[in-house]
Amino acid sequence: MDLIMGKFADAEIGEMSETDLDTFEQLGEMPDPDLYNWIANNADVPPQYDTALLKRLRAFHHGKGV
């Protein structure tokens, strides 16, 4: 997950608000398999993690930011 999260952070850190940074940190604490499945759209995201930042992260890794 470091590679996935790191690429996103490198590209987006300058645009992140304090809330985004907090959310990013919370996502980084999730178990890797859960987070990967959420990003890959392989699993439903629990409502408390279905944030705008996760949507940006997902879009980034699905070719809209790479």
C-alpha atoms as a PDB file:
ATOM      1  CA  MET A   1       0.000   0.000   0.000  1.00  0.00           C
ATOM      2  CA  ASP A   2       2.958   2.320   0.477  1.00  0.00           C
ATOM      3  CA  LEU A   3       3.423   2.530  -3.285  1.00  0.00           C
ATOM      4  CA  ILE A   4      -0.250   3.246  -3.942  1.00  0.00           C
ATOM      5  CA  MET A   5      -0.622   5.759  -1.147  1.00  0.00           C
ATOM      6  CA  GLY A   6       2.796   7.292  -1.800  1.00  0.00           C
ATOM      7  CA  LYS A   7       2.170   8.046  -5.467  1.00  0.00           C
ATOM      8  CA  PHE A   8      -1.115   9.692  -4.573  1.00  0.00           C
ATOM      9  CA  ALA A   9       0.472  11.702  -1.774  1.00  0.00           C
ATOM     10  CA  ASP A  10       3.328  12.842  -4.025  1.00  0.00           C
ATOM     11  CA  ALA A  11       0.851  14.103  -6.608  1.00  0.00           C
ATOM     12  CA  GLU A  12      -1.828  15.514  -4.314  1.00  0.00           C
ATOM     13  CA  ILE A  13      -0.252  16.599  -1.014  1.00  0.00           C
ATOM     14  CA  GLY A  14      -0.150  20.254  -2.037  1.00  0.00           C
ATOM     15  CA  GLU A  15      -3.895  20.239  -2.678  1.00  0.00           C
ATOM     16  CA  MET A  16      -4.913  18.491   0.545  1.00  0.00           C
ATOM     17  CA  SER A  17      -6.728  20.353   3.289  1.00  0.00           C
ATOM     18  CA  GLU A  18      -6.178  19.603   6.963  1.00  0.00           C
ATOM     19  CA  THR A  19      -9.276  17.396   6.841  1.00  0.00           C
ATOM     20  CA  ASP A  20      -7.872  15.557   3.820  1.00  0.00           C
ATOM     21  CA  LEU A  21      -4.580  15.007   5.619  1.00  0.00           C
ATOM     22  CA  ASP A  22      -6.393  13.615   8.663  1.00  0.00           C
ATOM     23  CA  THR A  23      -8.448  11.330   6.435  1.00  0.00           C
ATOM     24  CA  PHE A  24      -5.331  10.224   4.554  1.00  0.00           C
ATOM     25  CA  GLU A  25      -3.678   9.326   7.848  1.00  0.00           C
ATOM     26  CA  GLN A  26      -6.759   7.368   8.972  1.00  0.00           C
ATOM     27  CA  LEU A  27      -6.820   5.464   5.685  1.00  0.00           C
ATOM     28  CA  GLY A  28      -3.131   4.669   6.106  1.00  0.00           C
ATOM     29  CA  GLU A  29      -3.930   2.972   9.409  1.00  0.00           C
ATOM     30  CA  MET A  30      -6.413   0.586   7.788  1.00  0.00           C
ATOM     31  CA  PRO A  31      -5.369  -3.010   7.103  1.00  0.00           C
ATOM     32  CA  ASP A  32      -3.760  -3.170   3.665  1.00  0.00           C
ATOM     33  CA  PRO A  33      -6.175  -5.756   2.225  1.00  0.00           C
ATOM     34  CA  ASP A  34      -9.206  -3.658   3.187  1.00  0.00           C
ATOM     35  CA  LEU A  35      -7.780  -0.436   1.797  1.00  0.00           C
ATOM     36  CA  TYR A  36      -6.612  -2.101  -1.397  1.00  0.00           C
ATOM     37  CA  ASN A  37     -10.043  -3.622  -1.989  1.00  0.00           C
ATOM     38  CA  TRP A  38     -11.717  -0.256  -1.447  1.00  0.00           C
ATOM     39  CA  ILE A  39      -9.366   1.473  -3.899  1.00  0.00           C
ATOM     40  CA  ALA A  40      -9.736  -1.326  -6.447  1.00  0.00           C
ATOM     41  CA  ASN A  41     -13.542  -1.282  -6.115  1.00  0.00           C
ATOM     42  CA  ASN A  42     -13.462  -4.911  -5.019  1.00  0.00           C
ATOM     43  CA  ALA A  43     -15.354  -4.319  -1.781  1.00  0.00           C
ATOM     44  CA  ASP A  44     -17.944  -1.962  -0.365  1.00  0.00           C
ATOM     45  CA  VAL A  45     -16.491   0.891   1.630  1.00  0.00           C
ATOM     46  CA  PRO A  46     -17.884   1.369   5.134  1.00  0.00           C
ATOM     47  CA  PRO A  47     -19.732   4.701   5.288  1.00  0.00           C
ATOM     48  CA  GLN A  48     -17.260   6.295   7.712  1.00  0.00           C
ATOM     49  CA  TYR A  49     -14.430   5.742   5.190  1.00  0.00           C
ATOM     50  CA  ASP A  50     -16.367   6.590   2.027  1.00  0.00           C
ATOM     51  CA  THR A  51     -14.960  10.102   1.871  1.00  0.00           C
ATOM     52  CA  ALA A  52     -14.177  12.564  -0.881  1.00  0.00           C
ATOM     53  CA  LEU A  53     -10.486  11.824  -0.350  1.00  0.00           C
ATOM     54  CA  LEU A  54     -10.983   8.090  -0.856  1.00  0.00           C
ATOM     55  CA  LYS A  55     -12.883   8.868  -4.043  1.00  0.00           C
ATOM     56  CA  ARG A  56      -9.954  11.020  -5.222  1.00  0.00           C
ATOM     57  CA  LEU A  57      -7.516   8.251  -4.325  1.00  0.00           C
ATOM     58  CA  ARG A  58      -9.625   5.723  -6.204  1.00  0.00           C
ATOM     59  CA  ALA A  59      -9.898   7.985  -9.287  1.00  0.00           C
ATOM     60  CA  PHE A  60      -6.161   8.634  -9.210  1.00  0.00           C
ATOM     61  CA  HIS A  61      -5.395   4.939  -9.353  1.00  0.00           C
ATOM     62  CA  HIS A  62      -7.965   4.212 -12.003  1.00  0.00           C
ATOM     63  CA  GLY A  63      -6.191   6.350 -14.545  1.00  0.00           C
ATOM     64  CA  LYS A  64      -7.548   9.785 -13.827  1.00  0.00           C
ATOM     65  CA  GLY A  65      -4.425  10.985 -12.097  1.00  0.00           C
ATOM     66  CA  VAL A  66      -1.617   8.704 -13.138  1.00  0.00           C
END
